[in-house]
Amino acid sequence: MGRTLDDIIDTLPKGRRARVDARYRALKDEVESLQELRKVAGKAQADIAATLKIKQPSVSKIERQTDMYLSTLRSYVEAIGGELDVVVRLPSRPALRLRRLGEALSRSAKRTPRPRVARSSPAKTRRKPVTVSG
C-alpha cells in the first residue's frame, strides 16, 4: 500500500515540517486570477456587473485580460469588497506600498500649478523698463 503525503510529511524533521506548513499557508492565500479572487470573495459575475454598472460579459472579459489599467483593476477589486494596494520592491529596500495611487496622483495634479507658457508676439518681447518714483 502506498504512503500518503501526510505520512511523508510526518517523517520530516520538525523544522522542515514547519517550513512546509508555512509555505502551504502562503500558497493557500494566493490566487491565480481575478475569477479566483471573485470566488474567494463569494461574488458572482452578475454582482460585479451590477456594482460596476456594466454587463456580465464585460466582467468576464475583464477577468480574462492579462493587461489592464490600474483604475479598472481597482474598480473590480472594490466591487468585490476589497481595496487595491500597489507594492513596489526595489533592490536593497523594504517593500514600499503605494496606497490609493490614483487619488494621490489627482491630489498632486491639483496642487501643482501647470507651467505657464509665454504667448507674446515678437514685437512685445522687448519691454521698456518701468521706473517707479515714490
N, C-alpha and C. Protein backbone atom coordinates (compact mmCIF):
# COMPACT_ATOMS: atom_id res chain seq x y z
N MET A 1 0.84 -1.19 0.00
CA MET A 1 0.00 0.00 0.00
C MET A 1 0.88 1.24 0.00
N GLY A 2 0.52 2.27 -0.78
CA GLY A 2 1.31 3.48 -0.90
C GLY A 2 1.17 4.40 0.31
N ARG A 3 2.12 5.30 0.41
CA ARG A 3 2.09 6.26 1.51
C ARG A 3 1.39 7.54 1.05
N THR A 4 0.71 8.19 1.97
CA THR A 4 0.06 9.46 1.65
C THR A 4 1.04 10.60 1.86
N LEU A 5 0.70 11.75 1.36
CA LEU A 5 1.54 12.93 1.55
C LEU A 5 1.67 13.26 3.03
N ASP A 6 0.59 13.09 3.78
CA ASP A 6 0.65 13.34 5.22
C ASP A 6 1.65 12.41 5.90
N ASP A 7 1.69 11.13 5.45
CA ASP A 7 2.65 10.17 6.02
C ASP A 7 4.09 10.63 5.77
N ILE A 8 4.33 11.11 4.56
CA ILE A 8 5.68 11.56 4.21
C ILE A 8 6.05 12.80 5.01
N ILE A 9 5.13 13.75 5.13
CA ILE A 9 5.40 14.98 5.88
C ILE A 9 5.64 14.66 7.35
N ASP A 10 4.91 13.69 7.89
CA ASP A 10 5.08 13.31 9.30
C ASP A 10 6.48 12.76 9.58
N THR A 11 7.16 12.22 8.58
CA THR A 11 8.51 11.67 8.79
C THR A 11 9.59 12.74 8.72
N LEU A 12 9.26 13.95 8.29
CA LEU A 12 10.24 15.03 8.17
C LEU A 12 10.60 15.58 9.55
N PRO A 13 11.82 16.14 9.66
CA PRO A 13 12.20 16.80 10.92
C PRO A 13 11.25 17.95 11.23
N LYS A 14 11.11 18.28 12.49
CA LYS A 14 10.16 19.29 12.94
C LYS A 14 10.35 20.64 12.23
N GLY A 15 11.57 21.11 12.09
CA GLY A 15 11.84 22.39 11.43
C GLY A 15 11.40 22.38 9.98
N ARG A 16 11.66 21.26 9.31
CA ARG A 16 11.26 21.13 7.90
C ARG A 16 9.74 21.12 7.76
N ARG A 17 9.06 20.42 8.68
CA ARG A 17 7.59 20.40 8.66
C ARG A 17 7.03 21.79 8.84
N ALA A 18 7.64 22.58 9.72
CA ALA A 18 7.18 23.95 9.96
C ALA A 18 7.33 24.80 8.69
N ARG A 19 8.47 24.62 7.97
CA ARG A 19 8.68 25.38 6.73
C ARG A 19 7.67 24.96 5.65
N VAL A 20 7.40 23.65 5.56
CA VAL A 20 6.43 23.15 4.59
C VAL A 20 5.04 23.71 4.92
N ASP A 21 4.69 23.72 6.19
CA ASP A 21 3.39 24.24 6.60
C ASP A 21 3.27 25.74 6.31
N ALA A 22 4.34 26.49 6.58
CA ALA A 22 4.32 27.94 6.33
C ALA A 22 4.17 28.21 4.83
N ARG A 23 4.88 27.45 4.02
CA ARG A 23 4.77 27.63 2.56
C ARG A 23 3.37 27.26 2.06
N TYR A 24 2.80 26.20 2.63
CA TYR A 24 1.45 25.79 2.26
C TYR A 24 0.45 26.91 2.57
N ARG A 25 0.58 27.50 3.76
CA ARG A 25 -0.34 28.58 4.13
C ARG A 25 -0.18 29.79 3.22
N ALA A 26 1.07 30.10 2.84
CA ALA A 26 1.32 31.23 1.95
C ALA A 26 0.71 30.98 0.57
N LEU A 27 0.88 29.78 0.05
CA LEU A 27 0.33 29.44 -1.27
C LEU A 27 -1.19 29.39 -1.24
N LYS A 28 -1.73 28.95 -0.12
CA LYS A 28 -3.18 28.86 0.00
C LYS A 28 -3.83 30.24 -0.05
N ASP A 29 -3.10 31.26 0.41
CA ASP A 29 -3.63 32.62 0.43
C ASP A 29 -3.45 33.35 -0.89
N GLU A 30 -2.77 32.74 -1.86
CA GLU A 30 -2.57 33.37 -3.16
C GLU A 30 -3.66 32.93 -4.12
N VAL A 31 -3.97 33.80 -5.06
CA VAL A 31 -4.92 33.45 -6.11
C VAL A 31 -4.24 33.67 -7.45
N GLU A 32 -4.66 32.94 -8.43
CA GLU A 32 -4.04 32.99 -9.76
C GLU A 32 -4.76 33.92 -10.72
N SER A 33 -6.00 34.29 -10.42
CA SER A 33 -6.75 35.08 -11.39
C SER A 33 -7.80 35.93 -10.70
N LEU A 34 -8.35 36.88 -11.44
CA LEU A 34 -9.44 37.69 -10.91
C LEU A 34 -10.67 36.83 -10.67
N GLN A 35 -10.87 35.83 -11.51
CA GLN A 35 -12.01 34.93 -11.32
C GLN A 35 -11.89 34.22 -9.97
N GLU A 36 -10.69 33.72 -9.66
CA GLU A 36 -10.48 33.07 -8.38
C GLU A 36 -10.69 34.04 -7.22
N LEU A 37 -10.21 35.26 -7.39
CA LEU A 37 -10.37 36.28 -6.37
C LEU A 37 -11.85 36.56 -6.12
N ARG A 38 -12.61 36.65 -7.21
CA ARG A 38 -14.06 36.89 -7.09
C ARG A 38 -14.74 35.75 -6.34
N LYS A 39 -14.33 34.52 -6.65
CA LYS A 39 -14.93 33.36 -5.99
C LYS A 39 -14.58 33.32 -4.51
N VAL A 40 -13.35 33.70 -4.16
CA VAL A 40 -12.94 33.76 -2.75
C VAL A 40 -13.82 34.78 -2.01
N ALA A 41 -14.15 35.87 -2.70
CA ALA A 41 -15.00 36.91 -2.10
C ALA A 41 -16.47 36.51 -2.07
N GLY A 42 -16.81 35.39 -2.72
CA GLY A 42 -18.19 34.92 -2.72
C GLY A 42 -19.13 35.72 -3.60
N LYS A 43 -18.60 36.26 -4.68
CA LYS A 43 -19.40 37.09 -5.59
C LYS A 43 -19.57 36.39 -6.93
N ALA A 44 -20.68 36.68 -7.59
CA ALA A 44 -20.93 36.20 -8.94
C ALA A 44 -20.60 37.32 -9.92
N GLN A 45 -20.37 36.95 -11.18
CA GLN A 45 -20.10 37.97 -12.18
C GLN A 45 -21.24 38.96 -12.28
N ALA A 46 -22.46 38.50 -12.11
CA ALA A 46 -23.62 39.39 -12.18
C ALA A 46 -23.57 40.44 -11.06
N ASP A 47 -23.09 40.05 -9.88
CA ASP A 47 -22.94 41.00 -8.76
C ASP A 47 -21.94 42.10 -9.13
N ILE A 48 -20.81 41.67 -9.70
CA ILE A 48 -19.77 42.63 -10.08
C ILE A 48 -20.30 43.56 -11.16
N ALA A 49 -21.00 42.99 -12.14
CA ALA A 49 -21.55 43.78 -13.24
C ALA A 49 -22.51 44.85 -12.71
N ALA A 50 -23.38 44.46 -11.78
CA ALA A 50 -24.34 45.42 -11.22
C ALA A 50 -23.61 46.54 -10.49
N THR A 51 -22.60 46.21 -9.71
CA THR A 51 -21.85 47.22 -8.96
C THR A 51 -21.12 48.18 -9.90
N LEU A 52 -20.52 47.62 -10.95
CA LEU A 52 -19.75 48.44 -11.89
C LEU A 52 -20.63 49.09 -12.96
N LYS A 53 -21.92 48.74 -12.97
CA LYS A 53 -22.87 49.26 -13.96
C LYS A 53 -22.43 48.92 -15.38
N ILE A 54 -22.04 47.65 -15.55
CA ILE A 54 -21.69 47.12 -16.86
C ILE A 54 -22.42 45.80 -17.03
N LYS A 55 -22.31 45.20 -18.19
CA LYS A 55 -22.97 43.92 -18.43
C LYS A 55 -22.07 42.77 -18.02
N GLN A 56 -22.69 41.63 -17.69
CA GLN A 56 -21.95 40.46 -17.21
C GLN A 56 -20.86 40.01 -18.19
N PRO A 57 -21.08 40.00 -19.51
CA PRO A 57 -19.99 39.60 -20.41
C PRO A 57 -18.75 40.51 -20.30
N SER A 58 -18.97 41.76 -19.93
CA SER A 58 -17.83 42.67 -19.75
C SER A 58 -17.00 42.27 -18.54
N VAL A 59 -17.66 41.76 -17.49
CA VAL A 59 -16.94 41.27 -16.32
C VAL A 59 -16.11 40.06 -16.72
N SER A 60 -16.69 39.17 -17.51
CA SER A 60 -15.96 38.00 -17.99
C SER A 60 -14.73 38.43 -18.78
N LYS A 61 -14.88 39.45 -19.61
CA LYS A 61 -13.76 39.96 -20.41
C LYS A 61 -12.66 40.51 -19.51
N ILE A 62 -13.04 41.27 -18.49
CA ILE A 62 -12.06 41.82 -17.54
C ILE A 62 -11.29 40.68 -16.88
N GLU A 63 -11.98 39.64 -16.49
CA GLU A 63 -11.33 38.51 -15.80
C GLU A 63 -10.36 37.76 -16.70
N ARG A 64 -10.55 37.82 -18.00
CA ARG A 64 -9.66 37.13 -18.93
C ARG A 64 -8.48 37.99 -19.38
N GLN A 65 -8.53 39.29 -19.11
CA GLN A 65 -7.47 40.19 -19.56
C GLN A 65 -6.16 39.89 -18.84
N THR A 66 -5.05 40.04 -19.57
CA THR A 66 -3.75 39.89 -18.95
C THR A 66 -3.09 41.24 -18.69
N ASP A 67 -3.66 42.29 -19.26
CA ASP A 67 -3.11 43.63 -19.09
C ASP A 67 -4.29 44.60 -18.99
N MET A 68 -4.27 45.48 -18.00
CA MET A 68 -5.36 46.42 -17.83
C MET A 68 -4.89 47.64 -17.07
N TYR A 69 -5.71 48.67 -17.13
CA TYR A 69 -5.43 49.88 -16.36
C TYR A 69 -5.56 49.59 -14.87
N LEU A 70 -4.77 50.29 -14.07
CA LEU A 70 -4.91 50.17 -12.61
C LEU A 70 -6.30 50.59 -12.17
N SER A 71 -6.87 51.57 -12.83
CA SER A 71 -8.21 52.03 -12.44
C SER A 71 -9.25 50.93 -12.66
N THR A 72 -9.09 50.13 -13.71
CA THR A 72 -10.01 49.02 -13.96
C THR A 72 -9.85 47.97 -12.87
N LEU A 73 -8.60 47.65 -12.56
CA LEU A 73 -8.34 46.66 -11.51
C LEU A 73 -8.86 47.15 -10.17
N ARG A 74 -8.64 48.43 -9.85
CA ARG A 74 -9.13 48.99 -8.58
C ARG A 74 -10.65 48.90 -8.51
N SER A 75 -11.33 49.27 -9.59
CA SER A 75 -12.79 49.22 -9.61
C SER A 75 -13.29 47.79 -9.39
N TYR A 76 -12.64 46.85 -10.04
CA TYR A 76 -13.03 45.43 -9.92
C TYR A 76 -12.84 44.97 -8.47
N VAL A 77 -11.68 45.27 -7.90
CA VAL A 77 -11.38 44.85 -6.51
C VAL A 77 -12.36 45.50 -5.54
N GLU A 78 -12.67 46.77 -5.73
CA GLU A 78 -13.63 47.43 -4.86
C GLU A 78 -15.03 46.86 -5.03
N ALA A 79 -15.36 46.40 -6.24
CA ALA A 79 -16.68 45.80 -6.49
C ALA A 79 -16.85 44.48 -5.75
N ILE A 80 -15.75 43.79 -5.48
CA ILE A 80 -15.86 42.54 -4.71
C ILE A 80 -15.70 42.79 -3.21
N GLY A 81 -15.55 44.08 -2.86
CA GLY A 81 -15.47 44.43 -1.44
C GLY A 81 -14.06 44.59 -0.91
N GLY A 82 -13.09 44.69 -1.80
CA GLY A 82 -11.69 44.80 -1.37
C GLY A 82 -11.13 46.19 -1.60
N GLU A 83 -9.84 46.31 -1.34
CA GLU A 83 -9.11 47.55 -1.55
C GLU A 83 -7.80 47.19 -2.22
N LEU A 84 -7.43 47.91 -3.27
CA LEU A 84 -6.22 47.62 -4.02
C LEU A 84 -5.05 48.40 -3.46
N ASP A 85 -3.96 47.71 -3.17
CA ASP A 85 -2.70 48.33 -2.79
C ASP A 85 -1.66 47.91 -3.81
N VAL A 86 -0.77 48.84 -4.18
CA VAL A 86 0.32 48.53 -5.08
C VAL A 86 1.59 48.52 -4.25
N VAL A 87 2.36 47.43 -4.36
CA VAL A 87 3.60 47.29 -3.61
C VAL A 87 4.76 47.33 -4.58
N VAL A 88 5.75 48.17 -4.28
CA VAL A 88 6.94 48.29 -5.10
C VAL A 88 8.11 47.70 -4.33
N ARG A 89 8.84 46.81 -4.98
CA ARG A 89 10.02 46.20 -4.36
C ARG A 89 11.25 46.66 -5.12
N LEU A 90 12.13 47.35 -4.43
CA LEU A 90 13.38 47.82 -5.01
C LEU A 90 14.54 47.07 -4.37
N PRO A 91 15.63 46.90 -5.11
CA PRO A 91 16.78 46.22 -4.50
C PRO A 91 17.26 46.97 -3.26
N SER A 92 17.63 46.23 -2.26
CA SER A 92 18.20 46.80 -1.02
C SER A 92 17.26 47.74 -0.29
N ARG A 93 15.97 47.61 -0.50
CA ARG A 93 14.99 48.45 0.19
C ARG A 93 13.84 47.59 0.66
N PRO A 94 13.22 47.97 1.77
CA PRO A 94 12.00 47.25 2.15
C PRO A 94 10.88 47.58 1.15
N ALA A 95 9.89 46.74 1.11
CA ALA A 95 8.77 46.95 0.19
C ALA A 95 8.09 48.29 0.49
N LEU A 96 7.73 48.99 -0.56
CA LEU A 96 7.06 50.28 -0.45
C LEU A 96 5.64 50.10 -0.96
N ARG A 97 4.67 50.49 -0.17
CA ARG A 97 3.27 50.34 -0.55
C ARG A 97 2.72 51.68 -1.01
N LEU A 98 2.17 51.68 -2.22
CA LEU A 98 1.51 52.87 -2.75
C LEU A 98 0.02 52.69 -2.53
N ARG A 99 -0.52 53.41 -1.60
CA ARG A 99 -1.95 53.31 -1.31
C ARG A 99 -2.70 54.37 -2.11
N ARG A 100 -3.82 53.98 -2.63
CA ARG A 100 -4.69 54.91 -3.34
C ARG A 100 -3.92 55.71 -4.37
N LEU A 101 -3.21 55.03 -5.24
CA LEU A 101 -2.34 55.66 -6.22
C LEU A 101 -3.07 56.71 -7.04
N GLY A 102 -4.24 56.40 -7.55
CA GLY A 102 -4.99 57.34 -8.37
C GLY A 102 -5.36 58.60 -7.62
N GLU A 103 -5.76 58.45 -6.36
CA GLU A 103 -6.13 59.62 -5.56
C GLU A 103 -4.92 60.48 -5.29
N ALA A 104 -3.78 59.85 -5.01
CA ALA A 104 -2.56 60.61 -4.74
C ALA A 104 -2.15 61.40 -5.98
N LEU A 105 -2.27 60.79 -7.15
CA LEU A 105 -1.91 61.48 -8.38
C LEU A 105 -2.85 62.64 -8.66
N SER A 106 -4.15 62.45 -8.42
CA SER A 106 -5.08 63.54 -8.71
C SER A 106 -4.91 64.68 -7.72
N ARG A 107 -4.57 64.40 -6.46
CA ARG A 107 -4.32 65.46 -5.49
C ARG A 107 -3.09 66.27 -5.87
N SER A 108 -2.02 65.59 -6.28
CA SER A 108 -0.80 66.32 -6.63
C SER A 108 -1.00 67.14 -7.89
N ALA A 109 -1.83 66.65 -8.81
CA ALA A 109 -2.10 67.41 -10.02
C ALA A 109 -2.86 68.69 -9.68
N LYS A 110 -3.74 68.64 -8.68
CA LYS A 110 -4.50 69.83 -8.29
C LYS A 110 -3.60 70.84 -7.59
N ARG A 111 -2.64 70.36 -6.80
CA ARG A 111 -1.77 71.24 -6.04
C ARG A 111 -0.68 71.86 -6.89
N THR A 112 -0.18 71.15 -7.87
CA THR A 112 0.93 71.61 -8.67
C THR A 112 0.42 72.42 -9.85
N PRO A 113 0.70 73.72 -9.86
CA PRO A 113 0.22 74.53 -10.98
C PRO A 113 0.98 74.15 -12.25
N ARG A 114 0.28 74.23 -13.34
CA ARG A 114 0.92 73.94 -14.62
C ARG A 114 1.85 75.08 -14.98
N PRO A 115 2.96 74.76 -15.65
CA PRO A 115 3.86 75.84 -16.07
C PRO A 115 3.16 76.73 -17.09
N ARG A 116 3.38 78.01 -16.97
CA ARG A 116 2.76 78.95 -17.89
C ARG A 116 3.64 79.11 -19.12
N VAL A 117 3.00 79.13 -20.23
CA VAL A 117 3.71 79.32 -21.49
C VAL A 117 3.51 80.75 -21.93
N ALA A 118 4.60 81.43 -22.18
CA ALA A 118 4.51 82.83 -22.62
C ALA A 118 3.96 82.87 -24.02
N ARG A 119 2.95 83.70 -24.21
CA ARG A 119 2.34 83.85 -25.53
C ARG A 119 2.48 85.30 -25.98
N SER A 120 3.64 85.66 -26.29
CA SER A 120 3.82 87.04 -26.71
C SER A 120 4.29 87.08 -28.15
N SER A 121 3.89 88.13 -28.80
CA SER A 121 4.32 88.30 -30.19
C SER A 121 5.74 88.82 -30.19
N PRO A 122 6.46 88.68 -31.28
CA PRO A 122 7.84 89.15 -31.33
C PRO A 122 7.97 90.62 -30.99
N ALA A 123 6.99 91.43 -31.31
CA ALA A 123 7.06 92.87 -31.02
C ALA A 123 6.98 93.14 -29.52
N LYS A 124 6.35 92.29 -28.78
CA LYS A 124 6.18 92.52 -27.34
C LYS A 124 7.29 91.90 -26.50
N THR A 125 8.22 91.24 -27.11
CA THR A 125 9.26 90.59 -26.32
C THR A 125 10.22 91.58 -25.70
N ARG A 126 10.42 92.73 -26.30
CA ARG A 126 11.32 93.74 -25.72
C ARG A 126 10.47 94.79 -25.04
N ARG A 127 10.53 94.80 -23.74
CA ARG A 127 9.75 95.79 -22.99
C ARG A 127 10.69 96.83 -22.40
N LYS A 128 10.16 98.00 -22.25
CA LYS A 128 10.94 99.08 -21.65
C LYS A 128 10.92 98.91 -20.14
N PRO A 129 12.01 99.21 -19.47
CA PRO A 129 12.00 99.14 -18.01
C PRO A 129 11.02 100.15 -17.42
N VAL A 130 10.40 99.76 -16.33
CA VAL A 130 9.44 100.62 -15.67
C VAL A 130 10.14 101.32 -14.53
N THR A 131 9.97 102.63 -14.46
CA THR A 131 10.56 103.40 -13.39
C THR A 131 9.46 103.77 -12.40
N VAL A 132 9.70 103.44 -11.14
CA VAL A 132 8.73 103.75 -10.11
C VAL A 132 9.30 104.88 -9.28
N SER A 133 8.58 105.97 -9.20
CA SER A 133 9.05 107.07 -8.37
C SER A 133 8.19 107.15 -7.13
N GLY A 134 8.78 107.48 -6.05
CA GLY A 134 7.98 107.46 -4.83
C GLY A 134 8.37 108.43 -3.88
